[in-house]
Amino acid sequence: MMSFQGRRILFAFVIADVVATALAWVLAYWLRFHSGLLEALKGVPDFSRYLLLLPLIVVVWPVVLYFHGLYQIKRGRSRIDEFFAILVSVLIASAFTLGFTLYVRVYHRYQPDVAPQWEYSQAVFVIFVALNVAALNVGRWLLRAWLERMWAAGLNVKNIVIAGAGELGRTVARTINSHRELGYRVLGFLDDGEPSQTEGVVVLGTLADAAAVAHRHHVDQLVIALPLEDHGKLLSLIKSVGNECVDLKVVPDLVQYATIRASLEDLDGIPIISLNEVPLRGWSSMVKRAMDLVVGVLLLLVFALPILVIAVLIKLRGGRGPVFLRQERMTLDGKTFDIFKFRSMVEDAEKDSGPVFATEQDPRRTPIGAFLRRHNLDELPQFINVVKGDMSLVGPRPERPPFVREFKERIPQYMLRHRVKSGITGWAQVNGWRGNSSIEKRIEYDLYYIENWSLLLDVKILVLTLFRGFGQKHAY
């Protein structure tokens, strides 16, 4: 059940959303008809007509926001996820409101004094959607900043007791204590071992003392972090605190087996823990693909002339062989595709050696090829792969299958980099790890990218690529 303080916070969010929405509606009307920014109209509609719709808006908006989970005040919620949830909610609520006005106009079509009162400018609605999305996000960011400052100061925090003072429990305590802004305070541990000071937190009692400790210390949440060998005590622990007003959370002792990020799935009511879930799924992958398509097409148009010039130079100065090199690479889920590059080496360069990495002063390079590789210009045709959907703008660099077979045998977690699409540039590349460099460091940076993916991280990597390139010191 939500506490009184929780209801106050929820009420603050609802009021902030209503005020932001009402202001956006009023401002949209002013921008359309009175600001002078748009073409003036004869017979500007009276503002009272727009005020007539305001009660419906301030009722519909909180309802739609509620059904999109925007009033579940999750501590530490991703702002990117919240932004897109708000965008979808505003579009749905606006469509409903427009549909309502159309229904009223049709219903009163034979009443000339009523129907025109429900006619609204489409431009006002377009402006309103943009303003409303911005206003709702700004309002919520300000509220969350205030809440995080309040929680960091120790106000309205949730008291937590951790059952289990082993390695898993200490990890949970360290994580909670390092994020004071989330509003949690670890009171202590419950453990059947010897009482001791652990992570700066005392052991408050044994597992059998759980109910008494919860009552005595006004515990809001009991986090069960028992090692696998103690999970037989889990049922009795849950039963002992069942009559207390305490939220129960279980941290399974599977952290050592989680290779990227663990998540909980539901199979018709059966909870299933996924040990290597990646954030780049569903809606996130659609957004990333949309960005790849739009930016990829734009960059192809921008680089159309340089690509043509380079193609002519390779034909004239690159010796025998084709202009473009098509090479098999591995991408998402271990699938292969043909990557496009400008040919930078002599024809049949690997005829005798087989697949090998390029080296400094590689004798197989053509004169124009050395220049292209040094300045990463041989990568330009890969925008074609991005538009086709073989690759992404940002992601782990695609490797050749012979190298993949070699690396996966000697480098732990190497194949996890194929849980996302490969990219033209990536977190490893902008940090200098590319080409004939440390494979272990590249994997480390690739896995960090996969685990921490966000649209903002992609944008950051693209911006860093403009300034840092792809890691020039290994561009052979």
Protein backbone atom coordinates (compact mmCIF):
# COMPACT_ATOMS: atom_id res chain seq x y z
CA MET A 1 0.00 0.00 0.00
CA MET A 2 1.27 3.48 -0.85
CA SER A 3 2.37 5.56 2.14
CA PHE A 4 1.04 9.02 2.89
CA GLN A 5 4.31 10.55 1.70
CA GLY A 6 4.12 8.45 -1.47
CA ARG A 7 0.61 9.75 -2.15
CA ARG A 8 1.86 13.31 -1.71
CA ILE A 9 4.62 12.73 -4.24
CA LEU A 10 2.15 11.14 -6.68
CA PHE A 11 -0.21 14.09 -6.21
CA ALA A 12 2.69 16.47 -6.95
CA PHE A 13 3.37 14.66 -10.23
CA VAL A 14 -0.29 14.78 -11.25
CA ILE A 15 -0.55 18.51 -10.47
CA ALA A 16 2.71 19.21 -12.32
CA ASP A 17 1.43 17.30 -15.38
CA VAL A 18 -1.93 19.10 -15.34
CA VAL A 19 -0.32 22.53 -15.00
CA ALA A 20 2.25 21.77 -17.73
CA THR A 21 -0.50 20.53 -20.08
CA ALA A 22 -2.78 23.52 -19.45
CA LEU A 23 0.07 25.99 -19.98
CA ALA A 24 1.09 24.22 -23.20
CA TRP A 25 -2.49 24.45 -24.52
CA VAL A 26 -2.76 28.18 -23.72
CA LEU A 27 0.69 28.90 -25.15
CA ALA A 28 -0.11 26.94 -28.35
CA TYR A 29 -3.19 29.13 -28.89
CA TRP A 30 -1.13 32.31 -28.35
CA LEU A 31 1.70 31.21 -30.65
CA ARG A 32 -0.74 30.36 -33.45
CA PHE A 33 -2.96 33.43 -33.36
CA HIS A 34 -1.22 36.26 -31.49
CA SER A 35 2.56 35.81 -31.58
CA GLY A 36 3.01 36.90 -35.20
CA LEU A 37 5.26 33.89 -35.87
CA LEU A 38 2.66 32.24 -38.10
CA GLU A 39 0.47 33.64 -40.85
CA ALA A 40 -2.35 35.73 -39.40
CA LEU A 41 -5.93 34.70 -40.05
CA LYS A 42 -9.06 36.73 -40.51
CA GLY A 43 -11.48 36.22 -37.70
CA VAL A 44 -9.24 34.85 -34.94
CA PRO A 45 -11.28 32.38 -32.83
CA ASP A 46 -12.14 33.57 -29.38
CA PHE A 47 -9.97 32.21 -26.58
CA SER A 48 -13.07 31.09 -24.66
CA ARG A 49 -13.61 28.39 -27.32
CA TYR A 50 -10.20 26.92 -26.46
CA LEU A 51 -10.87 27.21 -22.75
CA LEU A 52 -13.97 25.10 -23.36
CA LEU A 53 -11.75 22.14 -24.24
CA LEU A 54 -9.34 22.61 -21.33
CA PRO A 55 -11.38 20.62 -18.71
CA LEU A 56 -11.44 17.61 -21.03
CA ILE A 57 -7.66 17.87 -21.60
CA VAL A 58 -6.77 18.04 -17.92
CA VAL A 59 -8.91 14.95 -17.25
CA VAL A 60 -7.80 12.85 -20.22
CA TRP A 61 -4.05 13.50 -19.88
CA PRO A 62 -3.53 12.08 -16.36
CA VAL A 63 -5.59 9.01 -17.30
CA VAL A 64 -3.49 8.26 -20.39
CA LEU A 65 -0.24 8.96 -18.50
CA TYR A 66 -1.41 6.60 -15.77
CA PHE A 67 -2.03 3.72 -18.18
CA HIS A 68 1.48 4.20 -19.58
CA GLY A 69 2.96 3.67 -16.11
CA LEU A 70 4.05 7.28 -15.68
CA TYR A 71 2.63 7.48 -12.17
CA GLN A 72 4.62 4.51 -10.95
CA ILE A 73 7.31 6.58 -9.27
CA LYS A 74 10.29 4.33 -9.92
CA ARG A 75 13.48 5.50 -8.28
CA GLY A 76 16.24 5.62 -10.89
CA ARG A 77 13.94 5.41 -13.90
CA SER A 78 15.61 6.05 -17.28
CA ARG A 79 14.83 9.53 -18.58
CA ILE A 80 15.03 8.29 -22.16
CA ASP A 81 12.33 5.68 -21.46
CA GLU A 82 10.21 8.30 -19.71
CA PHE A 83 10.58 10.72 -22.64
CA PHE A 84 9.26 8.20 -25.17
CA ALA A 85 6.46 7.10 -22.81
CA ILE A 86 5.38 10.75 -22.53
CA LEU A 87 5.59 11.23 -26.30
CA VAL A 88 3.36 8.22 -27.00
CA SER A 89 0.92 9.26 -24.25
CA VAL A 90 0.57 12.80 -25.61
CA LEU A 91 -0.01 11.53 -29.16
CA ILE A 92 -2.70 9.10 -27.98
CA ALA A 93 -4.41 11.67 -25.75
CA SER A 94 -4.33 14.29 -28.54
CA ALA A 95 -5.84 11.82 -31.02
CA PHE A 96 -8.60 11.02 -28.52
CA THR A 97 -9.31 14.73 -27.94
CA LEU A 98 -9.44 15.48 -31.66
CA GLY A 99 -11.74 12.50 -32.16
CA PHE A 100 -14.03 13.78 -29.41
CA THR A 101 -14.30 17.24 -31.01
CA LEU A 102 -15.07 15.63 -34.39
CA TYR A 103 -17.79 13.49 -32.80
CA VAL A 104 -19.41 16.55 -31.18
CA ARG A 105 -19.33 18.48 -34.45
CA VAL A 106 -20.94 15.61 -36.37
CA TYR A 107 -23.54 15.09 -33.63
CA HIS A 108 -24.49 18.80 -33.74
CA ARG A 109 -24.02 19.30 -37.47
CA TYR A 110 -27.61 20.59 -37.84
CA GLN A 111 -27.20 23.07 -34.99
CA PRO A 112 -25.27 26.04 -36.48
CA ASP A 113 -24.79 27.66 -33.08
CA VAL A 114 -23.13 24.60 -31.54
CA ALA A 115 -21.02 22.80 -34.16
CA PRO A 116 -18.63 25.71 -34.97
CA GLN A 117 -17.79 26.07 -31.28
CA TRP A 118 -16.00 22.70 -31.45
CA GLU A 119 -13.78 23.52 -34.43
CA TYR A 120 -10.11 23.78 -33.50
CA SER A 121 -7.01 24.70 -35.46
CA GLN A 122 -4.86 21.73 -36.46
CA ALA A 123 -1.81 23.99 -36.19
CA VAL A 124 -2.69 24.65 -32.55
CA PHE A 125 -2.77 20.90 -31.89
CA VAL A 126 0.59 20.35 -33.59
CA ILE A 127 2.20 23.16 -31.58
CA PHE A 128 0.48 21.88 -28.44
CA VAL A 129 1.88 18.34 -28.86
CA ALA A 130 5.45 19.66 -29.17
CA LEU A 131 5.08 22.07 -26.26
CA ASN A 132 3.30 19.51 -24.09
CA VAL A 133 5.97 16.82 -24.55
CA ALA A 134 8.66 19.36 -23.68
CA ALA A 135 6.73 20.80 -20.71
CA LEU A 136 5.88 17.39 -19.23
CA ASN A 137 9.49 16.26 -19.46
CA VAL A 138 10.86 19.48 -17.98
CA GLY A 139 8.32 19.38 -15.15
CA ARG A 140 9.14 15.79 -14.32
CA TRP A 141 12.89 16.35 -14.52
CA LEU A 142 12.57 19.24 -12.08
CA LEU A 143 10.42 17.17 -9.72
CA ARG A 144 12.82 14.24 -9.87
CA ALA A 145 15.80 16.54 -9.27
CA TRP A 146 14.03 17.88 -6.19
CA LEU A 147 13.20 14.36 -5.00
CA GLU A 148 16.77 13.15 -5.54
CA ARG A 149 18.15 16.09 -3.55
CA MET A 150 15.64 15.37 -0.79
CA TRP A 151 16.51 11.66 -0.74
CA ALA A 152 20.26 12.38 -0.83
CA ALA A 153 19.75 14.62 2.23
CA GLY A 154 18.14 11.70 4.06
CA LEU A 155 14.53 12.90 3.85
CA ASN A 156 11.68 10.48 3.06
CA VAL A 157 14.10 7.60 2.59
CA LYS A 158 13.06 3.94 2.66
CA ASN A 159 14.65 1.83 5.39
CA ILE A 160 16.15 -1.40 4.06
CA VAL A 161 17.39 -4.50 5.85
CA ILE A 162 19.38 -7.07 3.88
CA ALA A 163 18.98 -10.75 4.70
CA GLY A 164 22.39 -12.23 4.08
CA ALA A 165 25.75 -10.66 4.94
CA GLY A 166 27.73 -12.71 2.46
CA GLU A 167 29.35 -11.47 -0.74
CA LEU A 168 26.00 -10.99 -2.49
CA GLY A 169 24.51 -9.06 0.45
CA ARG A 170 27.60 -6.86 0.72
CA THR A 171 27.42 -6.15 -3.01
CA VAL A 172 23.79 -5.05 -2.62
CA ALA A 173 24.71 -2.83 0.34
CA ARG A 174 27.60 -1.22 -1.57
CA THR A 175 25.36 -0.50 -4.54
CA ILE A 176 22.58 1.03 -2.44
CA ASN A 177 24.99 3.14 -0.39
CA SER A 178 26.63 4.48 -3.55
CA HIS A 179 23.28 5.80 -4.82
CA ARG A 180 21.94 7.92 -1.98
CA GLU A 181 19.93 9.95 -4.48
CA LEU A 182 17.56 6.98 -4.94
CA GLY A 183 16.28 7.40 -1.39
CA TYR A 184 17.26 4.11 0.23
CA ARG A 185 19.05 3.63 3.57
CA VAL A 186 20.55 0.30 4.63
CA LEU A 187 19.87 -0.19 8.35
CA GLY A 188 21.72 -3.46 8.67
CA PHE A 189 22.00 -7.15 7.85
CA LEU A 190 20.27 -10.29 9.05
CA ASP A 191 22.60 -13.24 9.10
CA ASP A 192 23.03 -16.52 10.97
CA GLY A 193 26.79 -16.05 11.15
CA GLU A 194 28.78 -14.20 13.77
CA PRO A 195 27.57 -10.57 14.26
CA SER A 196 30.08 -8.15 12.78
CA GLN A 197 30.48 -4.79 11.11
CA THR A 198 30.05 -5.29 7.36
CA GLU A 199 30.32 -2.55 4.70
CA GLY A 200 29.91 -0.06 7.54
CA VAL A 201 26.54 -1.65 8.43
CA VAL A 202 25.86 -3.74 11.53
CA VAL A 203 24.31 -7.20 11.67
CA LEU A 204 20.98 -6.61 13.45
CA GLY A 205 20.17 -10.24 14.19
CA THR A 206 19.67 -13.69 12.74
CA LEU A 207 17.27 -14.65 9.99
CA ALA A 208 14.82 -15.86 12.64
CA ASP A 209 14.74 -12.32 14.06
CA ALA A 210 13.42 -10.85 10.79
CA ALA A 211 9.89 -10.03 12.01
CA ALA A 212 11.10 -8.47 15.27
CA VAL A 213 13.76 -6.40 13.51
CA ALA A 214 11.25 -5.22 10.90
CA HIS A 215 8.83 -4.10 13.62
CA ARG A 216 11.47 -2.52 15.87
CA HIS A 217 13.29 -0.54 13.16
CA HIS A 218 10.25 0.40 11.02
CA VAL A 219 11.69 -1.43 8.02
CA ASP A 220 10.13 -0.54 4.65
CA GLN A 221 11.86 -3.19 2.57
CA LEU A 222 13.55 -6.51 3.21
CA VAL A 223 16.05 -7.48 0.53
CA ILE A 224 16.81 -11.20 0.59
CA ALA A 225 20.35 -11.78 -0.71
CA LEU A 226 21.13 -15.28 0.51
CA PRO A 227 23.80 -17.46 -1.09
CA LEU A 228 22.63 -20.50 -3.02
CA GLU A 229 23.42 -22.88 -0.17
CA ASP A 230 21.12 -20.91 2.19
CA HIS A 231 18.13 -20.66 -0.12
CA GLY A 232 16.46 -23.44 1.85
CA LYS A 233 15.81 -20.77 4.51
CA LEU A 234 14.04 -18.52 2.03
CA LEU A 235 10.52 -19.89 2.53
CA SER A 236 10.63 -19.65 6.33
CA LEU A 237 12.05 -16.13 6.09
CA ILE A 238 9.23 -14.98 3.80
CA LYS A 239 6.66 -16.63 6.08
CA SER A 240 8.06 -14.96 9.21
CA VAL A 241 7.67 -11.42 7.80
CA GLY A 242 4.41 -12.13 5.98
CA ASN A 243 2.35 -10.33 8.62
CA GLU A 244 4.54 -7.22 8.63
CA CYS A 245 4.01 -4.21 6.33
CA VAL A 246 7.31 -4.82 4.58
CA ASP A 247 8.07 -4.99 0.86
CA LEU A 248 9.99 -8.14 -0.01
CA LYS A 249 12.69 -8.17 -2.69
CA VAL A 250 14.79 -11.18 -3.66
CA VAL A 251 18.23 -10.87 -5.21
CA PRO A 252 19.03 -14.34 -6.62
CA ASP A 253 22.59 -15.52 -6.14
CA LEU A 254 23.14 -15.61 -9.88
CA VAL A 255 25.25 -12.46 -10.26
CA GLN A 256 28.35 -14.55 -10.91
CA TYR A 257 26.57 -16.21 -13.84
CA ALA A 258 25.04 -13.05 -15.33
CA THR A 259 27.13 -12.28 -18.38
CA ILE A 260 25.59 -8.95 -19.42
CA ARG A 261 22.45 -7.95 -17.55
CA ALA A 262 19.92 -10.11 -15.76
CA SER A 263 16.20 -9.45 -16.19
CA LEU A 264 12.92 -11.05 -15.15
CA GLU A 265 10.61 -12.48 -17.78
CA ASP A 266 7.09 -13.85 -17.41
CA LEU A 267 5.92 -17.13 -18.93
CA ASP A 268 2.17 -17.27 -18.26
CA GLY A 269 2.69 -16.37 -14.62
CA ILE A 270 5.98 -18.27 -14.20
CA PRO A 271 8.90 -15.89 -13.45
CA ILE A 272 12.03 -16.67 -15.49
CA ILE A 273 15.38 -14.95 -14.94
CA SER A 274 17.31 -14.07 -18.09
CA LEU A 275 21.05 -13.91 -17.32
CA ASN A 276 22.24 -12.03 -20.39
CA GLU A 277 19.47 -9.64 -21.36
CA VAL A 278 20.52 -6.57 -23.35
CA PRO A 279 18.71 -3.21 -23.24
CA LEU A 280 18.67 -2.93 -27.03
CA ARG A 281 15.40 -4.76 -27.69
CA GLY A 282 11.84 -3.90 -28.73
CA TRP A 283 11.10 -0.19 -28.84
CA SER A 284 14.77 0.69 -28.29
CA SER A 285 15.87 -1.29 -31.34
CA MET A 286 13.17 0.41 -33.45
CA VAL A 287 14.39 3.86 -32.39
CA LYS A 288 18.00 2.90 -33.11
CA ARG A 289 17.06 1.52 -36.53
CA ALA A 290 15.13 4.69 -37.37
CA MET A 291 18.18 6.79 -36.48
CA ASP A 292 20.44 4.53 -38.56
CA LEU A 293 18.16 4.83 -41.58
CA VAL A 294 17.70 8.61 -41.44
CA VAL A 295 21.31 9.50 -40.60
CA GLY A 296 22.70 6.81 -42.92
CA VAL A 297 20.78 8.16 -45.94
CA LEU A 298 21.81 11.74 -45.11
CA LEU A 299 25.48 10.78 -44.79
CA LEU A 300 25.37 8.87 -48.08
CA LEU A 301 24.08 12.02 -49.75
CA VAL A 302 26.73 14.17 -48.04
CA PHE A 303 29.57 11.81 -49.01
CA ALA A 304 28.25 11.00 -52.50
CA LEU A 305 30.84 13.22 -54.23
CA PRO A 306 33.84 12.06 -52.11
CA ILE A 307 32.81 8.44 -52.70
CA LEU A 308 32.71 9.06 -56.46
CA VAL A 309 36.12 10.80 -56.42
CA ILE A 310 37.72 8.00 -54.37
CA ALA A 311 36.25 5.37 -56.69
CA VAL A 312 37.82 7.12 -59.70
CA LEU A 313 41.21 7.40 -57.92
CA ILE A 314 41.21 3.69 -57.05
CA LYS A 315 40.39 2.84 -60.63
CA LEU A 316 43.24 5.01 -61.89
CA ARG A 317 45.88 4.52 -59.17
CA GLY A 318 44.87 1.38 -57.30
CA GLY A 319 46.23 -1.21 -59.68
CA ARG A 320 44.32 -4.21 -60.95
CA GLY A 321 41.14 -5.20 -59.15
CA PRO A 322 37.66 -3.90 -58.31
CA VAL A 323 36.93 -0.55 -56.68
CA PHE A 324 34.90 -2.06 -53.87
CA LEU A 325 35.87 -4.95 -51.62
CA ARG A 326 33.11 -7.24 -50.36
CA GLN A 327 34.20 -9.16 -47.30
CA GLU A 328 32.23 -11.55 -45.06
CA ARG A 329 31.72 -10.26 -41.51
CA MET A 330 29.69 -11.37 -38.48
CA THR A 331 26.94 -9.29 -36.88
CA LEU A 332 23.83 -9.65 -34.68
CA ASP A 333 23.17 -13.22 -33.40
CA GLY A 334 26.18 -14.56 -35.28
CA LYS A 335 24.71 -13.90 -38.73
CA THR A 336 27.09 -13.05 -41.54
CA PHE A 337 26.86 -10.40 -44.24
CA ASP A 338 29.06 -8.88 -46.94
CA ILE A 339 30.59 -5.61 -45.80
CA PHE A 340 31.40 -2.93 -48.39
CA LYS A 341 34.78 -1.19 -48.31
CA PHE A 342 36.99 0.60 -50.78
CA ARG A 343 39.73 -1.79 -51.91
CA SER A 344 42.95 -0.59 -50.29
CA MET A 345 45.24 -3.54 -51.07
CA VAL A 346 46.46 -5.30 -54.13
CA GLU A 347 44.18 -7.85 -55.73
CA ASP A 348 44.19 -11.28 -54.00
CA ALA A 349 46.21 -9.84 -51.10
CA GLU A 350 45.43 -12.85 -48.88
CA LYS A 351 45.90 -15.53 -51.53
CA ASP A 352 49.02 -16.95 -49.87
CA SER A 353 48.65 -15.82 -46.23
CA GLY A 354 44.95 -16.36 -45.65
CA PRO A 355 42.97 -13.97 -43.40
CA VAL A 356 45.40 -11.83 -41.35
CA PHE A 357 45.29 -8.41 -39.70
CA ALA A 358 46.85 -5.49 -41.52
CA THR A 359 50.14 -4.33 -40.02
CA GLU A 360 52.06 -1.07 -39.98
CA GLN A 361 53.77 -0.49 -43.34
CA ASP A 362 51.84 -3.45 -44.76
CA PRO A 363 53.40 -4.21 -48.17
CA ARG A 364 50.06 -5.34 -49.57
CA ARG A 365 48.60 -1.80 -49.49
CA THR A 366 48.36 0.25 -52.64
CA PRO A 367 49.59 3.89 -52.46
CA ILE A 368 46.04 5.23 -52.53
CA GLY A 369 44.96 2.43 -50.18
CA ALA A 370 47.48 3.47 -47.50
CA PHE A 371 46.05 6.99 -47.55
CA LEU A 372 42.47 5.73 -47.39
CA ARG A 373 43.15 3.41 -44.44
CA ARG A 374 45.12 6.03 -42.52
CA HIS A 375 42.19 8.46 -42.75
CA ASN A 376 39.43 5.81 -42.48
CA LEU A 377 38.06 6.75 -45.89
CA ASP A 378 37.94 3.10 -46.94
CA GLU A 379 35.01 2.74 -44.49
CA LEU A 380 32.69 5.19 -46.32
CA PRO A 381 30.82 2.55 -48.39
CA GLN A 382 29.67 0.95 -45.12
CA PHE A 383 26.89 3.53 -44.96
CA ILE A 384 25.31 1.32 -47.65
CA ASN A 385 25.37 -1.57 -45.15
CA VAL A 386 23.77 0.69 -42.55
CA VAL A 387 20.91 1.67 -44.87
CA LYS A 388 20.43 -1.98 -45.88
CA GLY A 389 20.18 -2.97 -42.22
CA ASP A 390 23.29 -5.18 -42.11
CA MET A 391 24.99 -2.81 -39.69
CA SER A 392 24.29 0.09 -37.37
CA LEU A 393 26.04 3.44 -37.19
CA VAL A 394 27.22 2.57 -33.67
CA GLY A 395 28.11 -0.87 -32.35
CA PRO A 396 30.99 -3.33 -31.98
CA ARG A 397 33.07 -3.49 -35.14
CA PRO A 398 32.16 -6.57 -37.23
CA GLU A 399 34.83 -9.26 -37.31
CA ARG A 400 35.63 -11.83 -39.97
CA PRO A 401 34.37 -15.37 -39.22
CA PRO A 402 37.88 -16.96 -39.15
CA PHE A 403 38.94 -14.47 -36.46
CA VAL A 404 35.67 -15.00 -34.56
CA ARG A 405 36.32 -18.76 -34.41
CA GLU A 406 39.81 -18.07 -33.04
CA PHE A 407 38.87 -15.40 -30.50
CA LYS A 408 35.83 -17.14 -29.01
CA GLU A 409 38.00 -20.10 -27.99
CA ARG A 410 40.49 -18.03 -25.98
CA ILE A 411 38.60 -14.88 -24.89
CA PRO A 412 35.79 -15.31 -22.33
CA GLN A 413 32.46 -13.69 -23.28
CA TYR A 414 33.72 -12.81 -26.76
CA MET A 415 30.50 -13.90 -28.48
CA LEU A 416 28.42 -11.54 -26.31
CA ARG A 417 29.46 -8.69 -28.59
CA HIS A 418 27.17 -10.27 -31.20
CA ARG A 419 24.07 -9.62 -29.07
CA VAL A 420 23.71 -6.31 -30.97
CA LYS A 421 24.30 -5.24 -34.55
CA SER A 422 27.84 -4.41 -35.50
CA GLY A 423 28.61 -0.77 -36.24
CA ILE A 424 30.79 1.56 -38.28
CA THR A 425 32.07 3.12 -35.07
CA GLY A 426 31.80 2.11 -31.44
CA TRP A 427 32.78 2.79 -27.85
CA ALA A 428 35.99 0.79 -28.27
CA GLN A 429 36.95 2.65 -31.45
CA VAL A 430 36.52 6.19 -30.08
CA ASN A 431 38.67 5.13 -27.12
CA GLY A 432 41.49 4.01 -29.41
CA TRP A 433 40.89 0.23 -29.54
CA ARG A 434 40.54 -0.81 -33.16
CA GLY A 435 42.29 -2.83 -35.86
CA ASN A 436 45.40 -4.68 -34.69
CA SER A 437 45.03 -3.71 -31.01
CA SER A 438 44.23 -5.58 -27.79
CA ILE A 439 41.24 -7.83 -28.41
CA GLU A 440 40.62 -8.09 -24.65
CA LYS A 441 40.32 -4.29 -24.30
CA ARG A 442 38.01 -4.10 -27.29
CA ILE A 443 35.74 -6.74 -25.75
CA GLU A 444 35.75 -4.84 -22.45
CA TYR A 445 34.62 -1.64 -24.15
CA ASP A 446 32.13 -3.44 -26.41
CA LEU A 447 30.44 -5.14 -23.43
CA TYR A 448 30.27 -1.82 -21.58
CA TYR A 449 28.47 -0.35 -24.60
CA ILE A 450 26.01 -3.25 -24.85
CA GLU A 451 25.18 -3.20 -21.13
CA ASN A 452 24.82 0.58 -20.92
CA TRP A 453 23.25 1.32 -24.29
CA SER A 454 21.08 4.39 -24.66
CA LEU A 455 20.26 6.71 -27.53
CA LEU A 456 22.31 9.42 -25.83
CA LEU A 457 25.33 7.09 -25.69
CA ASP A 458 25.00 6.50 -29.44
CA VAL A 459 24.90 10.24 -30.06
CA LYS A 460 27.92 10.74 -27.79
CA ILE A 461 29.92 8.12 -29.72
CA LEU A 462 29.01 9.70 -33.07
CA VAL A 463 30.12 13.13 -31.82
CA LEU A 464 33.37 11.69 -30.42
CA THR A 465 33.99 9.97 -33.77
CA LEU A 466 33.90 13.37 -35.49
CA PHE A 467 36.61 14.68 -33.17
CA ARG A 468 38.67 11.58 -32.41
CA GLY A 469 38.18 9.50 -35.52
CA PHE A 470 38.27 5.70 -35.18
CA GLY A 471 41.46 5.43 -33.15
CA GLN A 472 44.18 6.52 -35.51
CA LYS A 473 47.18 4.80 -33.92
CA HIS A 474 46.04 1.35 -35.13
CA ALA A 475 44.75 2.42 -38.57
CA TYR A 476 47.04 0.36 -40.82
